[in-house]
Amino acid sequence: MEEFLKISQKTRPDGTIEPFDPEKHRFKRWDYVKNHGVSAVGGWREYIGMYSMQIIRHEHGTLETDFDLFNPDFGLGPVICHFWEVIIPGKTDSFRVLKGLRKRGLRVVDARTGLCA
């Protein structure tokens, strides 16, 4: 997440913040977002096989982030695993995602302890 924040908060020489362009930073357009509610109108998915971030844009301007263990863009196996992850248990195992993001080298706050590792 820290890596995402660094690339999304670039400051221009005049002091204004440069808008984040997801497609320039390992994200690819992903408009299959209706499972995120009726107000979801589009989004982007991080192009990495496991522990990927999805950004969903809603019609009222809100951005939602979602982390998935398996990115369905990476073939039939990840599609099946993503389906299992979302439909059968009902939600993503956030502690497993936390460990996976840390393995990727991202510093993430553990909500249980408030510590960043």
Protein backbone atom coordinates (compact mmCIF):
# COMPACT_ATOMS: atom_id res chain seq x y z
CA MET A 1 0.00 0.00 0.00
CA GLU A 2 2.84 2.38 0.78
CA GLU A 3 4.19 1.82 -2.73
CA PHE A 4 0.74 2.68 -4.12
CA LEU A 5 0.58 5.84 -2.02
CA LYS A 6 4.03 6.93 -3.18
CA ILE A 7 3.12 6.66 -6.85
CA SER A 8 -0.30 8.22 -6.33
CA GLN A 9 0.91 11.33 -4.52
CA LYS A 10 3.46 12.90 -6.84
CA THR A 11 3.80 16.62 -6.31
CA ARG A 12 4.32 18.94 -9.27
CA PRO A 13 6.88 21.78 -9.15
CA ASP A 14 4.01 24.25 -8.56
CA GLY A 15 2.98 22.34 -5.41
CA THR A 16 -0.18 20.74 -6.78
CA ILE A 17 -0.63 16.98 -6.59
CA GLU A 18 -0.48 15.07 -9.85
CA PRO A 19 -3.58 12.91 -10.38
CA PHE A 20 -2.98 9.17 -10.15
CA ASP A 21 -3.12 7.35 -13.49
CA PRO A 22 -3.57 3.66 -12.59
CA GLU A 23 -2.80 2.43 -16.10
CA LYS A 24 0.76 3.80 -15.85
CA HIS A 25 1.50 1.90 -12.63
CA ARG A 26 0.99 -1.87 -13.02
CA PHE A 27 -2.79 -1.47 -13.18
CA LYS A 28 -4.98 -2.47 -16.05
CA ARG A 29 -8.52 -1.45 -16.85
CA TRP A 30 -11.10 -3.79 -15.28
CA ASP A 31 -14.72 -2.84 -15.84
CA TYR A 32 -16.35 -6.00 -14.51
CA VAL A 33 -17.26 -4.32 -11.21
CA LYS A 34 -21.02 -4.79 -10.75
CA ASN A 35 -20.35 -7.26 -7.91
CA HIS A 36 -19.16 -4.17 -5.98
CA GLY A 37 -22.64 -2.61 -5.99
CA VAL A 38 -24.98 -0.87 -8.40
CA SER A 39 -23.09 2.43 -8.19
CA ALA A 40 -19.81 0.82 -9.39
CA VAL A 41 -19.01 2.15 -12.86
CA GLY A 42 -15.44 1.08 -13.60
CA GLY A 43 -12.10 0.21 -12.18
CA TRP A 44 -8.57 -1.05 -12.44
CA ARG A 45 -6.87 -4.24 -11.30
CA GLU A 46 -3.20 -4.49 -10.40
CA TYR A 47 -1.47 -6.68 -12.94
CA ILE A 48 0.09 -9.24 -10.63
CA GLY A 49 -0.98 -12.87 -10.15
CA MET A 50 -1.51 -13.02 -6.39
CA TYR A 51 -2.37 -10.52 -3.66
CA SER A 52 -3.53 -7.94 -6.19
CA MET A 53 -5.29 -4.65 -5.55
CA GLN A 54 -8.44 -3.65 -7.36
CA ILE A 55 -9.62 -0.02 -7.45
CA ILE A 56 -13.34 0.46 -8.08
CA ARG A 57 -14.80 3.82 -9.09
CA HIS A 58 -18.39 4.57 -8.09
CA GLU A 59 -20.71 6.99 -9.90
CA HIS A 60 -20.77 9.37 -6.90
CA GLY A 61 -16.95 9.70 -7.02
CA THR A 62 -15.98 7.32 -4.24
CA LEU A 63 -13.03 5.00 -4.81
CA GLU A 64 -13.09 1.56 -3.22
CA THR A 65 -10.09 -0.72 -2.85
CA ASP A 66 -10.29 -4.48 -2.80
CA PHE A 67 -7.46 -6.98 -2.33
CA ASP A 68 -7.73 -10.47 -3.76
CA LEU A 69 -5.62 -13.56 -3.19
CA PHE A 70 -5.94 -14.61 -6.84
CA ASN A 71 -6.15 -12.33 -9.89
CA PRO A 72 -8.55 -13.87 -12.45
CA ASP A 73 -6.60 -12.23 -15.30
CA PHE A 74 -3.90 -14.91 -14.98
CA GLY A 75 -5.65 -17.96 -16.42
CA LEU A 76 -8.16 -20.66 -15.60
CA GLY A 77 -6.52 -21.74 -12.32
CA PRO A 78 -6.65 -18.25 -10.79
CA VAL A 79 -10.21 -17.77 -12.13
CA ILE A 80 -11.36 -20.91 -10.30
CA CYS A 81 -9.43 -19.97 -7.13
CA HIS A 82 -10.83 -16.41 -7.23
CA PHE A 83 -14.35 -17.77 -7.65
CA TRP A 84 -13.79 -20.09 -4.67
CA GLU A 85 -12.28 -17.25 -2.63
CA VAL A 86 -15.17 -14.86 -3.27
CA ILE A 87 -18.25 -17.08 -3.55
CA ILE A 88 -17.69 -20.03 -1.21
CA PRO A 89 -16.11 -18.50 1.93
CA GLY A 90 -17.92 -15.21 1.34
CA LYS A 91 -14.90 -12.94 1.63
CA THR A 92 -11.15 -12.71 1.14
CA ASP A 93 -8.92 -13.93 3.98
CA SER A 94 -7.49 -10.54 4.96
CA PHE A 95 -4.72 -12.03 7.12
CA ARG A 96 -3.46 -14.15 4.22
CA VAL A 97 -3.52 -11.09 1.96
CA LEU A 98 -1.61 -9.12 4.62
CA LYS A 99 1.13 -11.76 4.66
CA GLY A 100 1.23 -11.85 0.85
CA LEU A 101 1.56 -8.08 0.53
CA ARG A 102 4.38 -8.10 3.05
CA LYS A 103 6.13 -10.83 1.03
CA ARG A 104 5.92 -8.45 -1.95
CA GLY A 105 7.84 -5.93 0.15
CA LEU A 106 4.94 -3.60 0.90
CA ARG A 107 4.67 -2.12 4.39
CA VAL A 108 1.12 -2.72 5.60
CA VAL A 109 -0.50 -1.83 8.92
CA ASP A 110 -1.93 -4.79 10.83
CA ALA A 111 -5.36 -3.60 12.06
CA ARG A 112 -5.19 -5.99 15.02
CA THR A 113 -2.03 -4.44 16.47
CA GLY A 114 -1.70 -1.08 14.72
CA LEU A 115 1.89 -2.01 13.83
CA CYS A 116 3.36 -1.59 10.39
CA ALA A 117 5.74 -4.28 9.23
